[in-house]
Protein backbone atom coordinates (compact mmCIF):
# COMPACT_ATOMS: atom_id res chain seq x y z
CA MET A 1 0.00 0.00 0.00
CA SER A 2 1.29 3.48 -0.90
CA HIS A 3 2.28 5.80 1.93
CA TYR A 4 1.16 8.84 -0.07
CA THR A 5 -1.94 9.78 -2.05
CA VAL A 6 -2.35 12.57 -4.58
CA TYR A 7 -5.67 13.92 -5.86
CA ALA A 8 -4.94 15.60 -9.16
CA ASP A 9 -6.52 16.60 -12.47
CA LEU A 10 -5.02 15.94 -15.91
CA ASN A 11 -6.40 19.36 -16.91
CA CYS A 12 -4.52 21.28 -14.19
CA PRO A 13 -1.02 22.71 -14.87
CA PHE A 14 -0.25 22.76 -11.12
CA CYS A 15 -1.04 19.02 -10.95
CA TYR A 16 1.13 18.37 -14.00
CA ALA A 17 4.03 20.31 -12.43
CA LEU A 18 3.73 18.30 -9.20
CA HIS A 19 3.72 15.10 -11.27
CA GLU A 20 6.95 16.19 -13.00
CA GLN A 21 8.61 17.10 -9.68
CA LEU A 22 7.74 13.70 -8.23
CA PHE A 23 8.97 12.02 -11.42
CA GLN A 24 12.31 13.82 -11.03
CA PHE A 25 12.52 12.50 -7.44
CA GLY A 26 11.66 8.95 -8.57
CA MET A 27 8.66 9.01 -6.21
CA LEU A 28 5.80 8.20 -8.59
CA PRO A 29 5.78 4.41 -7.93
CA GLN A 30 5.30 5.14 -4.21
CA ILE A 31 2.26 7.36 -4.71
CA HIS A 32 -1.38 6.42 -5.20
CA TRP A 33 -2.38 8.94 -7.90
CA CYS A 34 -6.15 9.57 -7.90
CA LEU A 35 -7.32 11.42 -10.97
CA VAL A 36 -10.25 13.78 -10.41
CA GLU A 37 -11.94 16.59 -12.29
CA HIS A 38 -11.53 19.94 -10.56
CA ALA A 39 -14.15 21.60 -12.72
CA PRO A 40 -15.97 19.22 -15.08
CA GLU A 41 -17.86 22.12 -16.65
CA ILE A 42 -14.63 23.56 -18.06
CA ALA A 43 -14.54 20.90 -20.77
CA THR A 44 -17.88 22.09 -22.14
CA ASP A 45 -16.79 25.74 -22.33
CA HIS A 46 -13.04 25.41 -22.67
CA LYS A 47 -12.70 27.86 -25.58
CA SER A 48 -14.34 30.84 -23.88
CA ALA A 49 -12.22 33.98 -23.49
CA GLU A 50 -12.51 33.78 -19.69
CA ASN A 51 -11.27 30.19 -19.54
CA GLN A 52 -8.45 30.89 -21.98
CA ALA A 53 -7.35 33.89 -19.91
CA GLU A 54 -7.43 31.83 -16.70
CA LEU A 55 -5.49 29.03 -18.37
CA ALA A 56 -2.75 31.41 -19.56
CA SER A 57 -2.50 32.95 -16.09
CA GLU A 58 -2.17 29.52 -14.44
CA VAL A 59 0.64 28.48 -16.80
CA PHE A 60 2.35 31.81 -16.10
CA ILE A 61 2.23 31.12 -12.33
CA VAL A 62 3.44 27.52 -12.70
CA ARG A 63 6.42 28.69 -14.76
CA SER A 64 7.28 31.15 -12.01
CA ARG A 65 6.94 28.66 -9.15
CA ALA A 66 8.47 25.63 -10.87
CA PRO A 67 10.94 26.97 -13.46
CA THR A 68 12.64 23.57 -13.86
CA VAL A 69 9.39 22.03 -15.14
CA ASP A 70 8.84 22.14 -18.90
CA VAL A 71 5.37 23.60 -19.42
CA ALA A 72 3.79 25.72 -22.17
CA LEU A 73 0.36 27.17 -22.83
CA PRO A 74 -1.89 24.61 -24.62
CA LYS A 75 -4.58 25.52 -27.11
CA PHE A 76 -7.29 24.75 -24.55
CA ARG A 77 -8.09 22.34 -21.71
CA SER A 78 -9.24 18.95 -22.98
CA ASP A 79 -12.06 16.73 -21.86
CA SER A 80 -9.86 14.35 -19.87
CA ARG A 81 -12.44 11.76 -18.81
CA PHE A 82 -11.69 9.12 -21.46
CA ALA A 83 -7.92 9.55 -21.01
CA THR A 84 -8.38 9.05 -17.24
CA LEU A 85 -10.38 5.86 -17.78
CA CYS A 86 -7.61 4.55 -20.04
CA ILE A 87 -5.08 5.12 -17.24
CA ILE A 88 -7.31 3.28 -14.76
CA GLU A 89 -7.64 0.34 -17.16
CA ALA A 90 -3.86 0.24 -17.80
CA ALA A 91 -3.18 0.15 -14.03
CA THR A 92 -5.14 -3.10 -13.70
CA HIS A 93 -2.61 -4.84 -16.00
CA ASP A 94 0.72 -3.04 -15.50
CA PRO A 95 1.03 -0.26 -12.85
CA ASP A 96 4.43 0.88 -14.14
CA LYS A 97 3.17 1.30 -17.70
CA ALA A 98 0.10 3.10 -16.33
CA ILE A 99 2.40 5.63 -14.64
CA LEU A 100 4.24 6.12 -17.94
CA LEU A 101 0.93 6.54 -19.79
CA ARG A 102 -0.20 9.16 -17.27
CA ARG A 103 3.03 11.12 -17.73
CA LEU A 104 2.78 10.89 -21.53
CA LEU A 105 -0.78 12.24 -21.43
CA TYR A 106 0.21 15.04 -19.05
CA ARG A 107 3.09 16.06 -21.33
CA ALA A 108 0.99 15.72 -24.49
CA LEU A 109 -1.28 18.44 -23.11
CA TRP A 110 1.10 20.68 -21.13
CA VAL A 111 4.24 20.45 -23.29
CA GLU A 112 3.13 19.49 -26.79
CA GLY A 113 -0.20 21.35 -26.63
CA LYS A 114 -2.22 18.38 -27.94
CA ASP A 115 -5.87 17.59 -27.26
CA ILE A 116 -5.85 14.54 -24.97
CA SER A 117 -9.51 13.86 -25.74
CA ASP A 118 -8.46 13.09 -29.33
CA PRO A 119 -8.40 9.26 -29.83
CA SER A 120 -5.34 9.53 -32.07
CA VAL A 121 -3.39 11.32 -29.29
CA ILE A 122 -4.46 8.69 -26.74
CA TYR A 123 -3.49 5.94 -29.20
CA GLN A 124 0.01 7.44 -29.61
CA CYS A 125 0.46 7.63 -25.83
CA LEU A 126 -0.76 4.03 -25.34
CA THR A 127 1.60 2.59 -27.93
CA HIS A 128 4.51 4.71 -26.65
CA ALA A 129 3.87 3.32 -23.16
CA GLY A 130 3.97 -0.23 -24.52
CA LEU A 131 0.27 -0.80 -23.90
CA PRO A 132 -2.33 -2.35 -26.22
CA ALA A 133 -4.06 0.21 -28.41
CA GLU A 134 -7.38 -1.52 -27.78
CA ILE A 135 -8.75 -0.50 -24.37
CA ASN A 136 -11.62 -2.40 -22.79
CA LEU A 137 -13.41 -0.01 -20.46
CA GLU A 138 -15.65 -1.55 -17.85
CA GLU A 139 -18.18 -0.29 -15.35
CA SER A 140 -15.63 -0.80 -12.57
CA HIS A 141 -13.40 1.85 -14.17
CA GLU A 142 -16.22 4.38 -14.10
CA GLN A 143 -16.86 3.45 -10.47
CA GLN A 144 -13.18 3.95 -9.58
CA LEU A 145 -13.24 7.41 -11.11
CA ALA A 146 -16.45 8.24 -9.22
CA ASP A 147 -14.94 7.01 -5.94
CA TRP A 148 -11.84 9.19 -6.38
CA GLN A 149 -13.99 12.19 -7.22
CA ASN A 150 -16.17 11.58 -4.17
CA ASP A 151 -13.14 11.22 -1.85
CA TRP A 152 -11.68 14.48 -3.16
CA GLU A 153 -14.96 16.34 -2.80
CA LYS A 154 -15.45 15.00 0.75
CA GLY A 155 -12.04 16.44 1.63
CA ASN A 156 -13.58 19.88 1.09
CA TYR A 157 -10.33 21.20 -0.39
CA LYS A 158 -12.24 23.70 -2.56
CA LEU A 159 -9.08 25.07 -4.21
CA LEU A 160 -8.55 23.70 -7.72
CA LEU A 161 -5.03 22.54 -6.89
CA PRO A 162 -3.27 19.20 -6.34
CA VAL A 163 -3.60 17.61 -2.91
CA LEU A 164 -0.79 15.49 -1.45
CA GLU A 165 -1.68 13.35 1.58
CA ALA A 166 0.53 11.18 3.79
CA ALA A 167 -0.67 8.08 5.64
CA ASP A 168 0.03 9.83 8.97
CA GLY A 169 -2.54 12.55 8.22
CA ARG A 170 -0.24 15.30 6.95
CA SER A 171 -1.32 17.06 3.77
CA SER A 172 -0.14 19.69 1.30
CA ILE A 173 -2.37 21.67 -1.04
CA GLY A 174 -0.90 23.36 -4.08
CA LEU A 175 2.51 23.24 -5.73
CA PRO A 176 5.28 22.94 -3.09
CA SER A 177 8.92 23.74 -3.78
CA SER A 178 11.37 20.89 -4.27
CA GLU A 179 12.77 21.51 -0.77
CA ASP A 180 9.30 21.42 0.74
CA LEU A 181 8.52 18.14 -1.01
CA LEU A 182 11.69 16.53 0.31
CA ALA A 183 10.84 17.78 3.80
CA PHE A 184 7.32 16.35 3.48
CA PHE A 185 8.68 12.92 2.55
CA LYS A 186 10.97 13.08 5.59
CA GLY A 187 7.90 13.40 7.80
CA GLU A 188 7.86 17.16 8.34
CA GLU A 189 4.92 19.55 8.18
CA ILE A 190 5.74 21.68 5.17
CA GLY A 191 3.26 24.45 5.90
CA THR A 192 5.92 26.29 7.91
CA LEU A 193 8.81 25.58 5.54
CA GLN A 194 9.75 27.82 2.64
CA GLN A 195 12.30 27.55 -0.09
CA SER A 196 15.41 29.62 0.48
CA PRO A 197 15.51 32.33 -2.18
CA GLU A 198 19.05 31.64 -3.32
CA HIS A 199 17.98 28.10 -4.25
CA ILE A 200 15.10 29.16 -6.49
CA PRO A 201 16.10 28.81 -10.17
CA HIS A 202 15.00 31.67 -12.34
CA LEU A 203 14.35 31.88 -16.06
CA ASN A 204 14.07 35.37 -17.49
CA ARG A 205 11.36 34.81 -20.09
CA GLN A 206 9.80 37.83 -21.74
CA THR A 207 6.03 38.17 -21.52
CA ILE A 208 3.73 38.68 -24.49
CA SER A 209 0.12 39.69 -23.90
CA ILE A 210 -2.31 38.91 -26.71
CA TYR A 211 -5.77 40.48 -26.80
CA ALA A 212 -8.41 39.51 -29.36
CA ASP A 213 -12.08 40.48 -29.56
CA HIS A 214 -12.80 37.22 -31.39
CA SER A 215 -12.07 33.51 -31.02
CA SER A 216 -8.38 32.84 -30.48
CA GLU A 217 -8.60 29.83 -32.84
CA VAL A 218 -7.15 31.83 -35.74
CA LEU A 219 -4.28 32.99 -33.51
CA TRP A 220 -3.23 29.51 -32.40
CA PRO A 221 -0.53 28.95 -35.11
CA LEU A 222 1.20 32.11 -33.88
CA ILE A 223 0.69 31.30 -30.18
CA SER A 224 2.02 27.79 -30.82
CA ALA A 225 5.21 29.26 -32.30
CA LEU A 226 5.69 31.56 -29.28
CA ARG A 227 4.48 29.55 -26.30
CA HIS A 228 7.73 27.71 -25.48
CA ASP A 229 10.05 30.73 -25.61
CA TYR A 230 7.79 33.36 -24.03
CA ASP A 231 5.23 33.69 -21.28
CA ILE A 232 1.81 34.23 -22.86
CA LEU A 233 -1.07 36.10 -21.22
CA LEU A 234 -4.56 36.35 -22.74
CA PRO A 235 -6.67 39.11 -21.12
CA PHE A 236 -10.30 38.39 -21.96
CA ASN A 237 -11.72 41.94 -21.98
CA LEU A 238 -10.60 45.56 -22.21
CA SER A 239 -10.78 46.11 -18.45
CA GLU A 240 -8.45 43.22 -17.74
CA LEU A 241 -6.13 44.39 -20.52
CA ARG A 242 -5.93 47.89 -19.02
CA ALA A 243 -5.30 46.48 -15.54
CA LEU A 244 -2.54 44.22 -16.86
CA VAL A 245 -0.74 47.03 -18.68
CA HIS A 246 -1.06 49.34 -15.68
CA ASP A 247 -0.11 46.84 -12.94
CA ASP A 248 2.50 44.62 -14.59
CA PRO A 249 3.19 45.63 -18.19
CA PRO A 250 4.18 42.83 -20.57
CA ASP A 251 7.22 43.14 -22.83
CA LEU A 252 5.02 43.16 -25.93
CA LEU A 253 1.32 43.65 -26.60
CA LEU A 254 -0.35 42.05 -29.63
CA LEU A 255 -3.83 43.30 -30.60
CA SER A 256 -6.18 41.44 -32.92
CA THR A 257 -9.56 43.01 -33.57
CA GLU A 258 -12.50 42.41 -35.86
CA GLN A 259 -15.01 44.76 -34.23
CA GLN A 260 -13.13 47.20 -31.99
CA TRP A 261 -10.60 48.90 -34.26
CA ARG A 262 -11.29 52.39 -32.92
CA GLU A 263 -11.08 51.16 -29.32
CA MET A 264 -7.81 49.34 -30.06
CA THR A 265 -6.12 52.33 -31.68
CA GLY A 266 -7.37 54.47 -28.80
CA LEU A 267 -5.78 52.06 -26.33
CA CYS A 268 -2.55 52.17 -28.30
CA GLN A 269 -2.46 55.96 -27.96
CA GLU A 270 -3.37 55.73 -24.26
CA PHE A 271 -0.59 53.27 -23.44
CA HIS A 272 2.00 55.51 -25.07
CA LYS A 273 1.16 58.48 -22.87
CA ASN A 274 3.27 57.10 -20.00
CA LYS A 275 6.71 58.64 -20.44
CA GLU A 276 8.14 57.32 -17.17
CA THR A 277 9.21 54.01 -18.73
CA PRO A 278 10.27 52.91 -22.22
CA PRO A 279 7.14 52.70 -24.38
CA LEU A 280 5.34 49.38 -24.54
CA PRO A 281 5.77 47.97 -28.06
CA ILE A 282 2.38 47.21 -29.61
CA ALA A 283 1.74 45.30 -32.81
CA PHE A 284 -1.59 44.81 -34.56
CA LEU A 285 -2.49 41.41 -35.97
CA SER A 286 -4.63 41.29 -39.10
CA GLN A 287 -5.86 38.45 -41.26
CA GLU A 288 -5.73 40.56 -44.43
CA ALA A 289 -3.54 43.34 -45.79
CA ASP A 290 -5.23 46.74 -45.56
CA ASP A 291 -3.13 49.85 -46.20
CA GLN A 292 -5.67 52.16 -44.55
CA LEU A 293 -5.81 50.11 -41.33
CA GLU A 294 -2.03 49.72 -41.30
CA MET A 295 -1.48 53.49 -41.55
CA SER A 296 -4.09 54.02 -38.84
CA ALA A 297 -2.19 51.59 -36.59
CA TYR A 298 1.11 53.39 -37.10
CA ARG A 299 -0.48 56.80 -36.46
CA SER A 300 -1.81 55.50 -33.13
CA GLY A 301 1.72 54.54 -32.05
CA ALA A 302 1.90 50.88 -33.06
CA SER A 303 5.36 49.44 -33.65
CA ASP A 304 4.31 46.93 -36.31
CA PHE A 305 1.38 45.56 -38.33
CA LEU A 306 1.58 41.78 -38.72
CA LEU A 307 -0.35 39.65 -41.19
CA LEU A 308 -1.55 36.33 -39.80
CA SER A 309 -1.43 34.89 -43.32
CA ARG A 310 2.39 34.94 -43.12
CA ARG A 311 4.25 31.88 -41.90
CA PRO A 312 4.45 31.68 -38.07
CA GLU A 313 8.26 31.59 -38.29
CA ILE A 314 8.27 34.97 -40.04
CA LEU A 315 5.91 36.47 -37.48
CA GLN A 316 8.07 35.03 -34.70
CA ALA A 317 11.15 36.69 -36.21
CA ARG A 318 9.38 40.06 -36.43
CA ILE A 319 8.21 39.72 -32.83
CA SER A 320 11.75 38.82 -31.74
CA ILE A 321 13.01 42.07 -33.31
CA LEU A 322 10.38 44.08 -31.42
CA LEU A 323 11.40 42.47 -28.14
CA GLN A 324 15.09 43.08 -28.82
CA MET A 325 14.34 46.75 -29.44
CA LYS A 326 12.42 46.84 -26.15
CA GLN A 327 15.42 45.42 -24.32
CA SER A 328 17.72 47.99 -25.92
CA LEU A 329 15.46 50.87 -24.88
CA GLU A 330 15.22 49.47 -21.36
CA LYS A 331 19.01 49.24 -21.17
CA LEU A 332 19.32 52.91 -22.12
CA ALA A 333 16.69 53.82 -19.54
CA ARG A 334 18.44 51.76 -16.87
CA ASN A 335 21.70 53.58 -17.53
CA ALA A 336 19.91 56.81 -16.63
CA ARG A 337 18.86 55.27 -13.33
CA ILE A 338 22.29 54.06 -12.19
CA ASP A 339 23.99 55.77 -9.28
CA GLY A 340 27.18 57.29 -10.67
CA LEU A 341 29.32 56.63 -7.58
CA THR A 342 28.43 53.05 -6.66
CA GLN A 343 27.17 51.78 -10.06
CA VAL A 344 24.09 50.23 -8.47
CA ASN A 345 20.52 51.39 -9.08
CA ASN A 346 19.58 54.81 -7.75
CA ARG A 347 16.68 55.96 -5.57
CA ARG A 348 14.43 56.78 -8.52
CA GLU A 349 14.83 53.26 -9.88
CA PHE A 350 14.05 51.87 -6.43
CA GLU A 351 10.74 53.75 -6.30
CA ARG A 352 9.78 52.33 -9.69
CA SER A 353 11.02 48.79 -9.01
CA ILE A 354 9.36 48.37 -5.62
CA GLU A 355 5.98 49.09 -7.22
CA THR A 356 6.65 46.77 -10.16
CA GLU A 357 7.88 43.89 -8.02
CA TRP A 358 4.93 44.29 -5.66
CA ARG A 359 2.50 43.92 -8.57
CA ARG A 360 4.42 40.92 -9.87
CA ALA A 361 4.30 39.32 -6.41
CA GLN A 362 0.54 39.85 -6.45
CA ARG A 363 0.28 38.05 -9.77
CA VAL A 364 2.36 35.01 -8.74
CA ARG A 365 1.01 35.10 -5.15
CA ARG A 366 4.42 34.90 -3.52
CA HIS A 367 6.18 36.76 -0.72
CA MET A 368 8.73 39.44 -1.43
CA ALA A 369 11.37 40.76 0.96
CA LEU A 370 13.22 44.06 1.35
CA LEU A 371 16.54 44.71 3.09
CA MET A 372 17.42 48.23 4.22
CA LEU A 373 21.15 48.60 4.98
CA ASP A 374 23.08 51.44 6.61
CA VAL A 375 26.87 51.78 6.91
CA ASP A 376 27.58 52.17 10.62
CA HIS A 377 28.98 55.55 11.78
CA PHE A 378 29.74 56.62 8.21
CA LYS A 379 29.85 60.35 9.03
CA ALA A 380 32.71 59.66 11.43
CA PHE A 381 34.47 57.68 8.69
CA ASN A 382 34.26 60.69 6.34
CA ASP A 383 35.45 63.06 9.06
CA ILE A 384 38.53 60.95 9.84
CA TYR A 385 39.57 59.64 6.42
CA GLY A 386 38.11 62.23 4.05
CA HIS A 387 35.44 62.12 1.38
CA LEU A 388 37.58 60.39 -1.23
CA ALA A 389 38.12 57.48 1.16
CA GLY A 390 34.41 57.61 1.98
CA ASP A 391 33.54 57.29 -1.71
CA GLY A 392 35.88 54.31 -2.01
CA CYS A 393 34.26 52.72 1.03
CA LEU A 394 30.76 53.07 -0.47
CA ARG A 395 31.91 51.58 -3.76
CA ALA A 396 33.40 48.59 -1.92
CA VAL A 397 30.24 48.13 0.13
CA ALA A 398 28.01 48.30 -2.96
CA LYS A 399 30.19 45.80 -4.85
CA THR A 400 30.08 43.40 -1.89
CA ILE A 401 26.29 43.64 -1.63
CA VAL A 402 25.88 42.84 -5.32
CA GLU A 403 28.26 39.87 -5.07
CA SER A 404 26.36 38.55 -2.06
CA THR A 405 23.00 38.46 -3.89
CA GLN A 406 23.20 35.47 -6.19
CA ARG A 407 19.85 35.45 -8.03
CA ALA A 408 19.29 37.37 -11.24
CA GLN A 409 16.04 38.91 -10.01
CA ASP A 410 17.51 40.33 -6.78
CA SER A 411 18.34 44.03 -7.16
CA VAL A 412 20.50 46.50 -5.21
CA TYR A 413 19.87 50.25 -4.86
CA ARG A 414 21.65 53.19 -3.31
CA TYR A 415 18.78 54.58 -1.26
CA GLY A 416 20.58 57.72 -0.15
CA GLY A 417 23.96 58.67 1.32
CA GLU A 418 25.33 55.58 3.04
CA GLU A 419 22.03 53.69 2.93
CA PHE A 420 21.26 50.85 0.50
CA ALA A 421 18.15 48.78 -0.30
CA ILE A 422 17.94 45.24 -1.65
CA ILE A 423 14.70 43.91 -3.19
CA LEU A 424 14.33 40.12 -3.01
CA PRO A 425 11.36 38.92 -5.10
CA GLU A 426 9.76 35.58 -4.20
CA SER A 427 11.67 35.41 -0.91
CA ASP A 428 10.53 34.42 2.55
CA VAL A 429 11.79 35.72 5.91
CA GLN A 430 14.23 32.87 6.47
CA GLY A 431 15.82 33.22 3.04
CA ALA A 432 16.06 37.00 3.35
CA ALA A 433 17.72 36.63 6.77
CA LEU A 434 20.32 34.28 5.29
CA ILE A 435 21.19 36.79 2.57
CA ALA A 436 21.27 39.71 5.02
CA GLU A 437 23.66 37.89 7.35
CA ARG A 438 25.83 36.90 4.40
CA ILE A 439 26.04 40.57 3.36
CA ARG A 440 26.83 41.71 6.91
CA GLN A 441 29.64 39.19 7.31
CA ALA A 442 31.07 39.86 3.85
CA ILE A 443 31.31 43.62 4.50
CA GLU A 444 32.89 43.08 7.91
CA SER A 445 35.40 40.71 6.33
CA LEU A 446 36.56 43.49 3.98
CA GLN A 447 38.48 44.75 7.03
CA ILE A 448 38.20 48.43 6.04
CA ARG A 449 39.70 50.20 9.05
CA HIS A 450 37.29 52.52 10.89
CA GLN A 451 38.71 54.21 14.00
CA GLY A 452 35.57 56.30 14.41
CA SER A 453 33.21 53.33 14.78
CA GLU A 454 31.69 52.69 18.18
CA CYS A 455 30.85 49.06 17.45
CA ASN A 456 33.95 47.67 15.70
CA GLU A 457 37.40 48.59 14.46
CA VAL A 458 36.38 48.01 10.83
CA VAL A 459 33.51 49.15 8.63
CA THR A 460 30.27 47.31 9.46
CA VAL A 461 26.62 47.60 8.47
CA SER A 462 23.22 47.33 10.14
CA ILE A 463 20.38 45.69 8.22
CA GLY A 464 16.60 45.73 8.63
CA ILE A 465 14.39 43.09 6.97
CA SER A 466 10.72 43.14 6.05
CA CYS A 467 8.77 40.45 4.21
CA LEU A 468 5.15 40.61 3.03
CA ASN A 469 2.80 38.74 0.73
CA PRO A 470 0.69 41.18 -1.33
CA VAL A 471 -2.15 38.66 -1.31
CA ASP A 472 -2.56 39.40 2.41
CA GLY A 473 -3.09 43.11 1.69
CA GLY A 474 -0.93 46.16 2.27
CA ASN A 475 1.22 48.03 -0.21
CA PRO A 476 4.89 48.58 -1.07
CA HIS A 477 5.10 51.52 1.35
CA ASP A 478 4.31 49.10 4.20
CA LEU A 479 7.27 46.99 3.10
CA VAL A 480 9.60 50.01 3.16
CA ASP A 481 8.21 51.29 6.45
CA GLN A 482 8.70 47.94 8.19
CA ALA A 483 12.25 47.55 6.87
CA ASP A 484 13.07 51.09 8.02
CA LYS A 485 11.78 50.35 11.52
CA ALA A 486 13.76 47.11 11.66
CA LEU A 487 16.89 49.01 10.57
CA TYR A 488 16.30 51.58 13.31
CA GLN A 489 16.04 48.74 15.85
CA ALA A 490 19.30 47.24 14.58
CA LYS A 491 21.08 50.57 15.02
CA SER A 492 19.52 51.18 18.44
CA ALA A 493 20.59 47.71 19.62
CA GLY A 494 24.26 48.42 18.96
CA ARG A 495 24.63 48.21 15.15
CA ASN A 496 26.53 45.60 13.13
CA ARG A 497 23.53 43.26 13.22
CA VAL A 498 20.44 42.09 11.35
CA VAL A 499 16.91 42.68 12.68
CA THR A 500 13.73 41.30 11.11
CA ALA A 501 10.43 43.17 11.31
CA PRO A 502 7.57 41.16 12.84
CA THR A 503 5.31 39.57 10.21
């Protein structure tokens, strides 16, 4: 008998990602995998704009939380009932081949973008798993599926996420980190454990948002060409599109309209009014060439006018050029936001980034942390050694902070004078404390002599930490305020230490 049970849906990207993580650990043979339907009604309305938007958002979140898992946006969710019954039938003859069949079906949907309700797709997966192509479904298989569904519904989990249960009564809902999974299998309660931020892999994919006022069926060849290399979002109405561009702008916006041309060109003009950041590149998608519409698009501020009749590879190349231009403009803008002395980001960039990262944390529903750092007794250092030595000290401190933050998404800012800020996206309190202590020790180990310090004979720093999850409410100013208060406590307690704000 298996020590662990999972209730999961073939149609859920979170369930697929958990399946892949457990496959990587070699744990699948030890787990009783119960296939359920989180929302059976989705299969009957899987092509609606709302469901497509939700699907794209879920894949976006899974890519953020499990970047080592290969997943891409499929065309739509399939009706998975027949595929599930095939897995149940296969398990009665060969459990190992049934596990392989389940993984092949998961990957057919979430990697290859195939419809796993299509008999030809199921046939390919059966033969690849070494199973007979002819499946004899019996009433007992239907009853097994009904029993699993009933057990899951009785658990009252409500959330449409995978459920992992241990024989001793412990359970996990959602997509845990790899570290949390290992802790769970060692018998620990993983609700209080978080993944250390320096151990979270990160893939810097660019995001493309595609809005259409018609069925996305005609757009699928293009989406299929883009979905592996980019994160795709599909806002389902104008309000959601506006909110997306305002809260967490994509790297590129593609607009396809059959009925709202005036509204689309108006939006294009509206989005270009923001001069604080490099303009959002916007391209219109059209099924037919129309010189008048194309000129209208360019006059509204569009960067390109793409014909869907062209080969997807050509459209992909044009889109790649637009994204490269966006990166070049962002690089120029970043250069204007770099502190000239320390070569880290300046205060203006901090104010922009803290807002952006907060919105991104809201989207992926993860914590973010902030470190506020102050060089201890720096005025005395300047008075004794002079401003040139003080400048050299700040440069050394800034360089050490940057070297001590190992993830690509962590960012360092000169907040003012001798004060620095470090934004740690997708970080918990424990991980932020580890990084803060690493920074403190690294700066102390520089052994920069400081006769004017009252806490040490060398240059040291005090650090305040705050960590919040935007899902719980609050705003970025709360994060800064808490980190400031923690820094004040560190200085009041004698300096050269790390203090964490209460959560």
